[in-house]
Amino acid sequence: KWAVKRIPKNLEKSVAAPEGQKLYEEFSLPSIPVEAIFEIAKLQRLLKSELHRVTNPILMLHGKGDRVAPQLNVGLVKKLVASDIVESVILPRSRHVVSMDFDKEIVASSIVDFFKRFA
């Protein structure tokens, strides 16, 4: 973390849709600060140890083509939370940034439907 300060983003790794790649490039940082990656790793460890405390309904949306976060995380969260309601939607045409990818309409409708039922 002292030798490398930033890691460039790979737009194609994050978003499959060409239009989404343009939006992602326009509205996000061009690179990831390495210090932020270390902080995310710390947060992941803490979160994993606390997931058993989550009892609220959960909706997880995950891109099938995600090359950043493995899909097995969906199963891990389902296994570790205490919630009786854990729903997941695997988005067949999307990668990591699902809200900007090919399945963004499914993302929006899934969230609206979920909140209509539980909010």
PDB file of N, CA and C in Angstrom:
ATOM      1  N   LYS A   1       0.818  -1.205   0.000  1.00  0.00           N
ATOM      2  CA  LYS A   1       0.000   0.000   0.000  1.00  0.00           C
ATOM      3  C   LYS A   1       0.856   1.261   0.000  1.00  0.00           C
ATOM      4  N   TRP A   2       2.152   1.124   0.276  1.00  0.00           N
ATOM      5  CA  TRP A   2       3.012   2.307   0.266  1.00  0.00           C
ATOM      6  C   TRP A   2       3.652   2.536  -1.104  1.00  0.00           C
ATOM      7  N   ALA A   3       3.807   1.488  -1.905  1.00  0.00           N
ATOM      8  CA  ALA A   3       4.450   1.625  -3.211  1.00  0.00           C
ATOM      9  C   ALA A   3       3.443   2.001  -4.301  1.00  0.00           C
ATOM     10  N   VAL A   4       2.265   1.423  -4.232  1.00  0.00           N
ATOM     11  CA  VAL A   4       1.228   1.698  -5.229  1.00  0.00           C
ATOM     12  C   VAL A   4       0.125   2.488  -4.542  1.00  0.00           C
ATOM     13  N   LYS A   5      -0.190   3.636  -5.074  1.00  0.00           N
ATOM     14  CA  LYS A   5      -1.195   4.503  -4.453  1.00  0.00           C
ATOM     15  C   LYS A   5      -2.599   4.296  -5.026  1.00  0.00           C
ATOM     16  N   ARG A   6      -2.697   3.963  -6.306  1.00  0.00           N
ATOM     17  CA  ARG A   6      -3.991   3.836  -6.966  1.00  0.00           C
ATOM     18  C   ARG A   6      -3.953   2.686  -7.966  1.00  0.00           C
ATOM     19  N   ILE A   7      -5.120   2.070  -8.170  1.00  0.00           N
ATOM     20  CA  ILE A   7      -5.250   1.000  -9.156  1.00  0.00           C
ATOM     21  C   ILE A   7      -6.286   1.459 -10.175  1.00  0.00           C
ATOM     22  N   PRO A   8      -5.926   1.486 -11.461  1.00  0.00           N
ATOM     23  CA  PRO A   8      -6.893   1.925 -12.474  1.00  0.00           C
ATOM     24  C   PRO A   8      -8.090   0.973 -12.541  1.00  0.00           C
ATOM     25  N   LYS A   9      -9.263   1.540 -12.826  1.00  0.00           N
ATOM     26  CA  LYS A   9     -10.459   0.723 -12.976  1.00  0.00           C
ATOM     27  C   LYS A   9     -10.502   0.120 -14.373  1.00  0.00           C
ATOM     28  N   ASN A  10     -11.074  -1.069 -14.451  1.00  0.00           N
ATOM     29  CA  ASN A  10     -11.317  -1.717 -15.734  1.00  0.00           C
ATOM     30  C   ASN A  10     -12.821  -1.642 -15.981  1.00  0.00           C
ATOM     31  N   LEU A  11     -13.235  -0.752 -16.876  1.00  0.00           N
ATOM     32  CA  LEU A  11     -14.657  -0.524 -17.111  1.00  0.00           C
ATOM     33  C   LEU A  11     -15.367  -1.783 -17.593  1.00  0.00           C
ATOM     34  N   GLU A  12     -14.712  -2.547 -18.463  1.00  0.00           N
ATOM     35  CA  GLU A  12     -15.334  -3.751 -19.003  1.00  0.00           C
ATOM     36  C   GLU A  12     -15.523  -4.821 -17.934  1.00  0.00           C
ATOM     37  N   LYS A  13     -14.683  -4.828 -16.927  1.00  0.00           N
ATOM     38  CA  LYS A  13     -14.810  -5.785 -15.838  1.00  0.00           C
ATOM     39  C   LYS A  13     -16.018  -5.462 -14.960  1.00  0.00           C
ATOM     40  N   SER A  14     -16.370  -4.192 -14.902  1.00  0.00           N
ATOM     41  CA  SER A  14     -17.439  -3.743 -14.018  1.00  0.00           C
ATOM     42  C   SER A  14     -18.809  -3.662 -14.685  1.00  0.00           C
ATOM     43  N   VAL A  15     -18.828  -3.297 -15.963  1.00  0.00           N
ATOM     44  CA  VAL A  15     -20.099  -3.094 -16.665  1.00  0.00           C
ATOM     45  C   VAL A  15     -19.984  -3.683 -18.069  1.00  0.00           C
ATOM     46  N   ALA A  16     -20.963  -4.501 -18.457  1.00  0.00           N
ATOM     47  CA  ALA A  16     -20.956  -5.109 -19.790  1.00  0.00           C
ATOM     48  C   ALA A  16     -21.562  -4.185 -20.844  1.00  0.00           C
ATOM     49  N   ALA A  17     -22.593  -3.436 -20.476  1.00  0.00           N
ATOM     50  CA  ALA A  17     -23.306  -2.572 -21.424  1.00  0.00           C
ATOM     51  C   ALA A  17     -22.450  -1.372 -21.816  1.00  0.00           C
ATOM     52  N   PRO A  18     -22.264  -1.149 -23.118  1.00  0.00           N
ATOM     53  CA  PRO A  18     -21.448   0.000 -23.556  1.00  0.00           C
ATOM     54  C   PRO A  18     -21.951   1.346 -23.010  1.00  0.00           C
ATOM     55  N   GLU A  19     -23.269   1.545 -22.997  1.00  0.00           N
ATOM     56  CA  GLU A  19     -23.834   2.787 -22.455  1.00  0.00           C
ATOM     57  C   GLU A  19     -23.520   2.915 -20.961  1.00  0.00           C
ATOM     58  N   GLY A  20     -23.612   1.814 -20.237  1.00  0.00           N
ATOM     59  CA  GLY A  20     -23.295   1.809 -18.815  1.00  0.00           C
ATOM     60  C   GLY A  20     -21.827   2.074 -18.550  1.00  0.00           C
ATOM     61  N   GLN A  21     -20.958   1.551 -19.417  1.00  0.00           N
ATOM     62  CA  GLN A  21     -19.522   1.813 -19.272  1.00  0.00           C
ATOM     63  C   GLN A  21     -19.233   3.302 -19.381  1.00  0.00           C
ATOM     64  N   LYS A  22     -19.904   3.973 -20.325  1.00  0.00           N
ATOM     65  CA  LYS A  22     -19.713   5.420 -20.486  1.00  0.00           C
ATOM     66  C   LYS A  22     -20.162   6.173 -19.231  1.00  0.00           C
ATOM     67  N   LEU A  23     -21.326   5.795 -18.708  1.00  0.00           N
ATOM     68  CA  LEU A  23     -21.831   6.440 -17.487  1.00  0.00           C
ATOM     69  C   LEU A  23     -20.906   6.178 -16.296  1.00  0.00           C
ATOM     70  N   TYR A  24     -20.473   4.940 -16.182  1.00  0.00           N
ATOM     71  CA  TYR A  24     -19.582   4.568 -15.079  1.00  0.00           C
ATOM     72  C   TYR A  24     -18.281   5.362 -15.152  1.00  0.00           C
ATOM     73  N   GLU A  25     -17.747   5.495 -16.348  1.00  0.00           N
ATOM     74  CA  GLU A  25     -16.508   6.264 -16.531  1.00  0.00           C
ATOM     75  C   GLU A  25     -16.737   7.738 -16.182  1.00  0.00           C
ATOM     76  N   GLU A  26     -17.890   8.261 -16.568  1.00  0.00           N
ATOM     77  CA  GLU A  26     -18.188   9.675 -16.335  1.00  0.00           C
ATOM     78  C   GLU A  26     -18.426   9.999 -14.859  1.00  0.00           C
ATOM     79  N   PHE A  27     -19.085   9.091 -14.139  1.00  0.00           N
ATOM     80  CA  PHE A  27     -19.530   9.407 -12.785  1.00  0.00           C
ATOM     81  C   PHE A  27     -18.738   8.732 -11.666  1.00  0.00           C
ATOM     82  N   SER A  28     -17.684   8.023 -11.993  1.00  0.00           N
ATOM     83  CA  SER A  28     -16.893   7.415 -10.923  1.00  0.00           C
ATOM     84  C   SER A  28     -15.426   7.817 -11.056  1.00  0.00           C
ATOM     85  N   LEU A  29     -14.686   7.568 -10.022  1.00  0.00           N
ATOM     86  CA  LEU A  29     -13.254   7.863 -10.058  1.00  0.00           C
ATOM     87  C   LEU A  29     -12.569   6.987 -11.100  1.00  0.00           C
ATOM     88  N   PRO A  30     -11.531   7.474 -11.759  1.00  0.00           N
ATOM     89  CA  PRO A  30     -10.847   6.675 -12.775  1.00  0.00           C
ATOM     90  C   PRO A  30      -9.987   5.551 -12.183  1.00  0.00           C
ATOM     91  N   SER A  31      -9.711   5.658 -10.899  1.00  0.00           N
ATOM     92  CA  SER A  31      -8.890   4.633 -10.244  1.00  0.00           C
ATOM     93  C   SER A  31      -9.341   4.483  -8.799  1.00  0.00           C
ATOM     94  N   ILE A  32      -8.907   3.383  -8.192  1.00  0.00           N
ATOM     95  CA  ILE A  32      -9.284   3.093  -6.808  1.00  0.00           C
ATOM     96  C   ILE A  32      -8.073   3.338  -5.917  1.00  0.00           C
ATOM     97  N   PRO A  33      -8.209   4.185  -4.898  1.00  0.00           N
ATOM     98  CA  PRO A  33      -7.099   4.374  -3.962  1.00  0.00           C
ATOM     99  C   PRO A  33      -6.814   3.047  -3.233  1.00  0.00           C
ATOM    100  N   VAL A  34      -5.566   2.649  -3.189  1.00  0.00           N
ATOM    101  CA  VAL A  34      -5.195   1.387  -2.560  1.00  0.00           C
ATOM    102  C   VAL A  34      -5.602   1.368  -1.092  1.00  0.00           C
ATOM    103  N   GLU A  35      -5.490   2.488  -0.425  1.00  0.00           N
ATOM    104  CA  GLU A  35      -5.894   2.553   0.978  1.00  0.00           C
ATOM    105  C   GLU A  35      -7.368   2.173   1.134  1.00  0.00           C
ATOM    106  N   ALA A  36      -8.194   2.548   0.169  1.00  0.00           N
ATOM    107  CA  ALA A  36      -9.620   2.189   0.220  1.00  0.00           C
ATOM    108  C   ALA A  36      -9.812   0.682   0.120  1.00  0.00           C
ATOM    109  N   ILE A  37      -8.981   0.015  -0.644  1.00  0.00           N
ATOM    110  CA  ILE A  37      -9.073  -1.446  -0.772  1.00  0.00           C
ATOM    111  C   ILE A  37      -8.768  -2.108   0.569  1.00  0.00           C
ATOM    112  N   PHE A  38      -7.783  -1.610   1.270  1.00  0.00           N
ATOM    113  CA  PHE A  38      -7.466  -2.145   2.592  1.00  0.00           C
ATOM    114  C   PHE A  38      -8.620  -1.901   3.570  1.00  0.00           C
ATOM    115  N   GLU A  39      -9.241  -0.732   3.479  1.00  0.00           N
ATOM    116  CA  GLU A  39     -10.377  -0.421   4.351  1.00  0.00           C
ATOM    117  C   GLU A  39     -11.568  -1.335   4.040  1.00  0.00           C
ATOM    118  N   ILE A  40     -11.808  -1.609   2.769  1.00  0.00           N
ATOM    119  CA  ILE A  40     -12.893  -2.529   2.392  1.00  0.00           C
ATOM    120  C   ILE A  40     -12.620  -3.920   2.947  1.00  0.00           C
ATOM    121  N   ALA A  41     -11.387  -4.365   2.885  1.00  0.00           N
ATOM    122  CA  ALA A  41     -11.039  -5.687   3.434  1.00  0.00           C
ATOM    123  C   ALA A  41     -11.305  -5.738   4.938  1.00  0.00           C
ATOM    124  N   LYS A  42     -10.972  -4.665   5.648  1.00  0.00           N
ATOM    125  CA  LYS A  42     -11.258  -4.608   7.094  1.00  0.00           C
ATOM    126  C   LYS A  42     -12.767  -4.643   7.345  1.00  0.00           C
ATOM    127  N   LEU A  43     -13.498  -3.881   6.561  1.00  0.00           N
ATOM    128  CA  LEU A  43     -14.950  -3.839   6.702  1.00  0.00           C
ATOM    129  C   LEU A  43     -15.571  -5.219   6.422  1.00  0.00           C
ATOM    130  N   GLN A  44     -15.060  -5.917   5.424  1.00  0.00           N
ATOM    131  CA  GLN A  44     -15.577  -7.256   5.106  1.00  0.00           C
ATOM    132  C   GLN A  44     -15.401  -8.209   6.282  1.00  0.00           C
ATOM    133  N   ARG A  45     -14.246  -8.160   6.921  1.00  0.00           N
ATOM    134  CA  ARG A  45     -14.013  -9.034   8.079  1.00  0.00           C
ATOM    135  C   ARG A  45     -14.988  -8.708   9.217  1.00  0.00           C
ATOM    136  N   LEU A  46     -15.170  -7.415   9.487  1.00  0.00           N
ATOM    137  CA  LEU A  46     -16.096  -6.998  10.528  1.00  0.00           C
ATOM    138  C   LEU A  46     -17.527  -7.403  10.181  1.00  0.00           C
ATOM    139  N   LEU A  47     -17.923  -7.146   8.959  1.00  0.00           N
ATOM    140  CA  LEU A  47     -19.278  -7.463   8.528  1.00  0.00           C
ATOM    141  C   LEU A  47     -19.563  -8.962   8.633  1.00  0.00           C
ATOM    142  N   LYS A  48     -18.618  -9.770   8.207  1.00  0.00           N
ATOM    143  CA  LYS A  48     -18.807 -11.225   8.268  1.00  0.00           C
ATOM    144  C   LYS A  48     -19.054 -11.682   9.704  1.00  0.00           C
ATOM    145  N   SER A  49     -18.379 -11.069  10.648  1.00  0.00           N
ATOM    146  CA  SER A  49     -18.552 -11.457  12.056  1.00  0.00           C
ATOM    147  C   SER A  49     -19.848 -10.937  12.658  1.00  0.00           C
ATOM    148  N   GLU A  50     -20.501  -9.991  11.998  1.00  0.00           N
ATOM    149  CA  GLU A  50     -21.724  -9.387  12.534  1.00  0.00           C
ATOM    150  C   GLU A  50     -22.990  -9.773  11.759  1.00  0.00           C
ATOM    151  N   LEU A  51     -22.868 -10.490  10.665  1.00  0.00           N
ATOM    152  CA  LEU A  51     -24.035 -10.812   9.846  1.00  0.00           C
ATOM    153  C   LEU A  51     -25.106 -11.595  10.607  1.00  0.00           C
ATOM    154  N   HIS A  52     -24.712 -12.358  11.598  1.00  0.00           N
ATOM    155  CA  HIS A  52     -25.681 -13.146  12.372  1.00  0.00           C
ATOM    156  C   HIS A  52     -26.697 -12.258  13.104  1.00  0.00           C
ATOM    157  N   ARG A  53     -26.397 -10.981  13.200  1.00  0.00           N
ATOM    158  CA  ARG A  53     -27.289 -10.046  13.892  1.00  0.00           C
ATOM    159  C   ARG A  53     -28.353  -9.454  12.974  1.00  0.00           C
ATOM    160  N   VAL A  54     -28.249  -9.683  11.679  1.00  0.00           N
ATOM    161  CA  VAL A  54     -29.189  -9.101  10.715  1.00  0.00           C
ATOM    162  C   VAL A  54     -30.474  -9.925  10.692  1.00  0.00           C
ATOM    163  N   THR A  55     -31.590  -9.278  11.037  1.00  0.00           N
ATOM    164  CA  THR A  55     -32.879  -9.963  11.079  1.00  0.00           C
ATOM    165  C   THR A  55     -33.902  -9.365  10.112  1.00  0.00           C
ATOM    166  N   ASN A  56     -33.604  -8.233   9.525  1.00  0.00           N
ATOM    167  CA  ASN A  56     -34.516  -7.585   8.579  1.00  0.00           C
ATOM    168  C   ASN A  56     -34.554  -8.359   7.261  1.00  0.00           C
ATOM    169  N   PRO A  57     -35.634  -8.179   6.495  1.00  0.00           N
ATOM    170  CA  PRO A  57     -35.673  -8.784   5.151  1.00  0.00           C
ATOM    171  C   PRO A  57     -34.521  -8.270   4.293  1.00  0.00           C
ATOM    172  N   ILE A  58     -33.998  -9.139   3.466  1.00  0.00           N
ATOM    173  CA  ILE A  58     -32.820  -8.819   2.653  1.00  0.00           C
ATOM    174  C   ILE A  58     -33.108  -9.135   1.187  1.00  0.00           C
ATOM    175  N   LEU A  59     -32.696  -8.227   0.312  1.00  0.00           N
ATOM    176  CA  LEU A  59     -32.720  -8.447  -1.125  1.00  0.00           C
ATOM    177  C   LEU A  59     -31.298  -8.275  -1.631  1.00  0.00           C
ATOM    178  N   MET A  60     -30.784  -9.302  -2.290  1.00  0.00           N
ATOM    179  CA  MET A  60     -29.445  -9.223  -2.884  1.00  0.00           C
ATOM    180  C   MET A  60     -29.575  -9.320  -4.390  1.00  0.00           C
ATOM    181  N   LEU A  61     -28.912  -8.420  -5.097  1.00  0.00           N
ATOM    182  CA  LEU A  61     -28.882  -8.423  -6.552  1.00  0.00           C
ATOM    183  C   LEU A  61     -27.432  -8.616  -6.967  1.00  0.00           C
ATOM    184  N   HIS A  62     -27.202  -9.591  -7.843  1.00  0.00           N
ATOM    185  CA  HIS A  62     -25.821  -9.901  -8.217  1.00  0.00           C
ATOM    186  C   HIS A  62     -25.740 -10.220  -9.701  1.00  0.00           C
ATOM    187  N   GLY A  63     -24.778  -9.593 -10.349  1.00  0.00           N
ATOM    188  CA  GLY A  63     -24.566  -9.848 -11.766  1.00  0.00           C
ATOM    189  C   GLY A  63     -23.892 -11.195 -11.987  1.00  0.00           C
ATOM    190  N   LYS A  64     -24.454 -11.991 -12.866  1.00  0.00           N
ATOM    191  CA  LYS A  64     -23.888 -13.312 -13.150  1.00  0.00           C
ATOM    192  C   LYS A  64     -22.468 -13.200 -13.697  1.00  0.00           C
ATOM    193  N   GLY A  65     -22.198 -12.141 -14.439  1.00  0.00           N
ATOM    194  CA  GLY A  65     -20.874 -11.942 -15.017  1.00  0.00           C
ATOM    195  C   GLY A  65     -19.945 -11.101 -14.160  1.00  0.00           C
ATOM    196  N   ASP A  66     -20.272 -10.928 -12.889  1.00  0.00           N
ATOM    197  CA  ASP A  66     -19.453 -10.108 -11.987  1.00  0.00           C
ATOM    198  C   ASP A  66     -18.071 -10.726 -11.835  1.00  0.00           C
ATOM    199  N   ARG A  67     -17.053  -9.977 -12.218  1.00  0.00           N
ATOM    200  CA  ARG A  67     -15.665 -10.438 -12.085  1.00  0.00           C
ATOM    201  C   ARG A  67     -14.948  -9.726 -10.936  1.00  0.00           C
ATOM    202  N   VAL A  68     -15.703  -8.954 -10.157  1.00  0.00           N
ATOM    203  CA  VAL A  68     -15.133  -8.222  -9.030  1.00  0.00           C
ATOM    204  C   VAL A  68     -15.479  -8.921  -7.717  1.00  0.00           C
ATOM    205  N   ALA A  69     -16.764  -9.196  -7.518  1.00  0.00           N
ATOM    206  CA  ALA A  69     -17.239  -9.874  -6.305  1.00  0.00           C
ATOM    207  C   ALA A  69     -17.797 -11.243  -6.705  1.00  0.00           C
ATOM    208  N   PRO A  70     -17.301 -12.315  -6.120  1.00  0.00           N
ATOM    209  CA  PRO A  70     -17.771 -13.647  -6.520  1.00  0.00           C
ATOM    210  C   PRO A  70     -19.225 -13.899  -6.124  1.00  0.00           C
ATOM    211  N   GLN A  71     -19.930 -14.635  -6.963  1.00  0.00           N
ATOM    212  CA  GLN A  71     -21.335 -14.951  -6.720  1.00  0.00           C
ATOM    213  C   GLN A  71     -21.514 -15.789  -5.459  1.00  0.00           C
ATOM    214  N   LEU A  72     -20.502 -16.496  -5.044  1.00  0.00           N
ATOM    215  CA  LEU A  72     -20.617 -17.297  -3.821  1.00  0.00           C
ATOM    216  C   LEU A  72     -20.884 -16.433  -2.595  1.00  0.00           C
ATOM    217  N   ASN A  73     -20.628 -15.122  -2.696  1.00  0.00           N
ATOM    218  CA  ASN A  73     -20.951 -14.212  -1.589  1.00  0.00           C
ATOM    219  C   ASN A  73     -22.448 -14.192  -1.291  1.00  0.00           C
ATOM    220  N   VAL A  74     -23.270 -14.392  -2.321  1.00  0.00           N
ATOM    221  CA  VAL A  74     -24.718 -14.417  -2.124  1.00  0.00           C
ATOM    222  C   VAL A  74     -25.090 -15.568  -1.188  1.00  0.00           C
ATOM    223  N   GLY A  75     -24.549 -16.743  -1.454  1.00  0.00           N
ATOM    224  CA  GLY A  75     -24.810 -17.898  -0.596  1.00  0.00           C
ATOM    225  C   GLY A  75     -24.247 -17.724   0.798  1.00  0.00           C
ATOM    226  N   LEU A  76     -23.093 -17.091   0.882  1.00  0.00           N
ATOM    227  CA  LEU A  76     -22.470 -16.849   2.180  1.00  0.00           C
ATOM    228  C   LEU A  76     -23.341 -15.936   3.041  1.00  0.00           C
ATOM    229  N   VAL A  77     -23.853 -14.871   2.456  1.00  0.00           N
ATOM    230  CA  VAL A  77     -24.719 -13.957   3.207  1.00  0.00           C
ATOM    231  C   VAL A  77     -25.980 -14.694   3.641  1.00  0.00           C
ATOM    232  N   LYS A  78     -26.604 -15.446   2.733  1.00  0.00           N
ATOM    233  CA  LYS A  78     -27.811 -16.210   3.077  1.00  0.00           C
ATOM    234  C   LYS A  78     -27.557 -17.137   4.266  1.00  0.00           C
ATOM    235  N   LYS A  79     -26.395 -17.741   4.275  1.00  0.00           N
ATOM    236  CA  LYS A  79     -26.042 -18.692   5.331  1.00  0.00           C
ATOM    237  C   LYS A  79     -25.795 -18.003   6.674  1.00  0.00           C
ATOM    238  N   LEU A  80     -25.223 -16.809   6.654  1.00  0.00           N
ATOM    239  CA  LEU A  80     -24.784 -16.169   7.890  1.00  0.00           C
ATOM    240  C   LEU A  80     -25.805 -15.240   8.551  1.00  0.00           C
ATOM    241  N   VAL A  81     -26.788 -14.756   7.801  1.00  0.00           N
ATOM    242  CA  VAL A  81     -27.747 -13.835   8.411  1.00  0.00           C
ATOM    243  C   VAL A  81     -28.824 -14.590   9.189  1.00  0.00           C
ATOM    244  N   ALA A  82     -29.486 -13.874  10.102  1.00  0.00           N
ATOM    245  CA  ALA A  82     -30.560 -14.463  10.903  1.00  0.00           C
ATOM    246  C   ALA A  82     -31.934 -14.169  10.312  1.00  0.00           C
ATOM    247  N   SER A  83     -32.003 -13.405   9.262  1.00  0.00           N
ATOM    248  CA  SER A  83     -33.273 -13.044   8.663  1.00  0.00           C
ATOM    249  C   SER A  83     -33.997 -14.269   8.121  1.00  0.00           C
ATOM    250  N   ASP A  84     -35.327 -14.270   8.294  1.00  0.00           N
ATOM    251  CA  ASP A  84     -36.155 -15.333   7.720  1.00  0.00           C
ATOM    252  C   ASP A  84     -36.457 -15.065   6.256  1.00  0.00           C
ATOM    253  N   ILE A  85     -36.279 -13.829   5.837  1.00  0.00           N
ATOM    254  CA  ILE A  85     -36.575 -13.440   4.455  1.00  0.00           C
ATOM    255  C   ILE A  85     -35.287 -12.986   3.786  1.00  0.00           C
ATOM    256  N   VAL A  86     -34.761 -13.841   2.933  1.00  0.00           N
ATOM    257  CA  VAL A  86     -33.532 -13.528   2.193  1.00  0.00           C
ATOM    258  C   VAL A  86     -33.800 -13.876   0.737  1.00  0.00           C
ATOM    259  N   GLU A  87     -33.904 -12.861  -0.079  1.00  0.00           N
ATOM    260  CA  GLU A  87     -34.179 -13.054  -1.494  1.00  0.00           C
ATOM    261  C   GLU A  87     -32.955 -12.646  -2.303  1.00  0.00           C
ATOM    262  N   SER A  88     -32.757 -13.337  -3.408  1.00  0.00           N
ATOM    263  CA  SER A  88     -31.653 -12.964  -4.281  1.00  0.00           C
ATOM    264  C   SER A  88     -32.101 -13.045  -5.729  1.00  0.00           C
ATOM    265  N   VAL A  89     -31.542 -12.150  -6.515  1.00  0.00           N
ATOM    266  CA  VAL A  89     -31.801 -12.113  -7.944  1.00  0.00           C
ATOM    267  C   VAL A  89     -30.439 -12.127  -8.622  1.00  0.00           C
ATOM    268  N   ILE A  90     -30.202 -13.153  -9.428  1.00  0.00           N
ATOM    269  CA  ILE A  90     -28.969 -13.209 -10.216  1.00  0.00           C
ATOM    270  C   ILE A  90     -29.302 -12.632 -11.585  1.00  0.00           C
ATOM    271  N   LEU A  91     -28.597 -11.600 -11.941  1.00  0.00           N
ATOM    272  CA  LEU A  91     -28.865 -10.862 -13.166  1.00  0.00           C
ATOM    273  C   LEU A  91     -28.033 -11.445 -14.308  1.00  0.00           C
ATOM    274  N   PRO A  92     -28.684 -12.087 -15.267  1.00  0.00           N
ATOM    275  CA  PRO A  92     -27.967 -12.905 -16.254  1.00  0.00           C
ATOM    276  C   PRO A  92     -27.040 -12.154 -17.199  1.00  0.00           C
ATOM    277  N   ARG A  93     -27.322 -10.881 -17.463  1.00  0.00           N
ATOM    278  CA  ARG A  93     -26.530 -10.155 -18.460  1.00  0.00           C
ATOM    279  C   ARG A  93     -25.639  -9.073 -17.859  1.00  0.00           C
ATOM    280  N   SER A  94     -25.571  -9.004 -16.530  1.00  0.00           N
ATOM    281  CA  SER A  94     -24.854  -7.902 -15.881  1.00  0.00           C
ATOM    282  C   SER A  94     -23.577  -8.351 -15.192  1.00  0.00           C
ATOM    283  N   ARG A  95     -22.748  -7.367 -14.923  1.00  0.00           N
ATOM    284  CA  ARG A  95     -21.495  -7.591 -14.203  1.00  0.00           C
ATOM    285  C   ARG A  95     -21.590  -6.933 -12.826  1.00  0.00           C
ATOM    286  N   HIS A  96     -20.566  -6.239 -12.394  1.00  0.00           N
ATOM    287  CA  HIS A  96     -20.473  -5.742 -11.016  1.00  0.00           C
ATOM    288  C   HIS A  96     -21.402  -4.560 -10.719  1.00  0.00           C
ATOM    289  N   VAL A  97     -21.460  -3.581 -11.589  1.00  0.00           N
ATOM    290  CA  VAL A  97     -22.266  -2.382 -11.347  1.00  0.00           C
ATOM    291  C   VAL A  97     -23.634  -2.602 -12.003  1.00  0.00           C
ATOM    292  N   VAL A  98     -24.468  -3.377 -11.324  1.00  0.00           N
ATOM    293  CA  VAL A  98     -25.726  -3.847 -11.914  1.00  0.00           C
ATOM    294  C   VAL A  98     -26.695  -2.707 -12.241  1.00  0.00           C
ATOM    295  N   SER A  99     -26.618  -1.605 -11.522  1.00  0.00           N
ATOM    296  CA  SER A  99     -27.535  -0.490 -11.762  1.00  0.00           C
ATOM    297  C   SER A  99     -27.230   0.260 -13.058  1.00  0.00           C
ATOM    298  N   MET A 100     -26.088  -0.014 -13.665  1.00  0.00           N
ATOM    299  CA  MET A 100     -25.715   0.639 -14.922  1.00  0.00           C
ATOM    300  C   MET A 100     -25.562  -0.369 -16.059  1.00  0.00           C
ATOM    301  N   ASP A 101     -25.966  -1.586 -15.832  1.00  0.00           N
ATOM    302  CA  ASP A 101     -25.711  -2.632 -16.814  1.00  0.00           C
ATOM    303  C   ASP A 101     -26.987  -3.049 -17.535  1.00  0.00           C
ATOM    304  N   PHE A 102     -26.873  -4.107 -18.341  1.00  0.00           N
ATOM    305  CA  PHE A 102     -27.976  -4.550 -19.178  1.00  0.00           C
ATOM    306  C   PHE A 102     -29.255  -4.853 -18.405  1.00  0.00           C
ATOM    307  N   ASP A 103     -29.150  -5.322 -17.188  1.00  0.00           N
ATOM    308  CA  ASP A 103     -30.324  -5.718 -16.406  1.00  0.00           C
ATOM    309  C   ASP A 103     -30.816  -4.634 -15.454  1.00  0.00           C
ATOM    310  N   LYS A 104     -30.496  -3.380 -15.727  1.00  0.00           N
ATOM    311  CA  LYS A 104     -30.844  -2.292 -14.805  1.00  0.00           C
ATOM    312  C   LYS A 104     -32.355  -2.173 -14.580  1.00  0.00           C
ATOM    313  N   GLU A 105     -33.172  -2.529 -15.581  1.00  0.00           N
ATOM    314  CA  GLU A 105     -34.624  -2.486 -15.392  1.00  0.00           C
ATOM    315  C   GLU A 105     -35.071  -3.555 -14.392  1.00  0.00           C
ATOM    316  N   ILE A 106     -34.451  -4.730 -14.446  1.00  0.00           N
ATOM    317  CA  ILE A 106     -34.757  -5.790 -13.476  1.00  0.00           C
ATOM    318  C   ILE A 106     -34.332  -5.339 -12.084  1.00  0.00           C
ATOM    319  N   VAL A 107     -33.183  -4.672 -11.996  1.00  0.00           N
ATOM    320  CA  VAL A 107     -32.705  -4.145 -10.708  1.00  0.00           C
ATOM    321  C   VAL A 107     -33.750  -3.193 -10.125  1.00  0.00           C
ATOM    322  N   ALA A 108     -34.179  -2.227 -10.925  1.00  0.00           N
ATOM    323  CA  ALA A 108     -35.138  -1.224 -10.448  1.00  0.00           C
ATOM    324  C   ALA A 108     -36.456  -1.876 -10.035  1.00  0.00           C
ATOM    325  N   SER A 109     -37.002  -2.738 -10.860  1.00  0.00           N
ATOM    326  CA  SER A 109     -38.300  -3.346 -10.527  1.00  0.00           C
ATOM    327  C   SER A 109     -38.190  -4.275  -9.327  1.00  0.00           C
ATOM    328  N   SER A 110     -37.086  -4.986  -9.189  1.00  0.00           N
ATOM    329  CA  SER A 110     -36.895  -5.875  -8.032  1.00  0.00           C
ATOM    330  C   SER A 110     -36.853  -5.079  -6.741  1.00  0.00           C
ATOM    331  N   ILE A 111     -36.169  -3.941  -6.759  1.00  0.00           N
ATOM    332  CA  ILE A 111     -36.074  -3.101  -5.563  1.00  0.00           C
ATOM    333  C   ILE A 111     -37.429  -2.499  -5.217  1.00  0.00           C
ATOM    334  N   VAL A 112     -38.123  -1.978  -6.206  1.00  0.00           N
ATOM    335  CA  VAL A 112     -39.442  -1.388  -5.955  1.00  0.00           C
ATOM    336  C   VAL A 112     -40.392  -2.445  -5.400  1.00  0.00           C
ATOM    337  N   ASP A 113     -40.430  -3.611  -6.010  1.00  0.00           N
ATOM    338  CA  ASP A 113     -41.305  -4.689  -5.529  1.00  0.00           C
ATOM    339  C   ASP A 113     -40.953  -5.090  -4.099  1.00  0.00           C
ATOM    340  N   PHE A 114     -39.676  -5.198  -3.810  1.00  0.00           N
ATOM    341  CA  PHE A 114     -39.227  -5.581  -2.469  1.00  0.00           C
ATOM    342  C   PHE A 114     -39.693  -4.562  -1.434  1.00  0.00           C
ATOM    343  N   PHE A 115     -39.482  -3.273  -1.725  1.00  0.00           N
ATOM    344  CA  PHE A 115     -39.882  -2.243  -0.777  1.00  0.00           C
ATOM    345  C   PHE A 115     -41.396  -2.139  -0.642  1.00  0.00           C
ATOM    346  N   LYS A 116     -42.129  -2.406  -1.689  1.00  0.00           N
ATOM    347  CA  LYS A 116     -43.584  -2.400  -1.586  1.00  0.00           C
ATOM    348  C   LYS A 116     -44.043  -3.477  -0.596  1.00  0.00           C
ATOM    349  N   ARG A 117     -43.339  -4.577  -0.557  1.00  0.00           N
ATOM    350  CA  ARG A 117     -43.726  -5.671   0.343  1.00  0.00           C
ATOM    351  C   ARG A 117     -43.253  -5.467   1.770  1.00  0.00           C
ATOM    352  N   PHE A 118     -42.102  -4.819   1.966  1.00  0.00           N
ATOM    353  CA  PHE A 118     -41.488  -4.811   3.302  1.00  0.00           C
ATOM    354  C   PHE A 118     -41.258  -3.444   3.922  1.00  0.00           C
ATOM    355  N   ALA A 119     -41.481  -2.372   3.186  1.00  0.00           N
ATOM    356  CA  ALA A 119     -41.235  -1.038   3.760  1.00  0.00           C
ATOM    357  C   ALA A 119     -42.483  -0.495   4.425  1.00  0.00           C
TER     358      ALA A 119
END
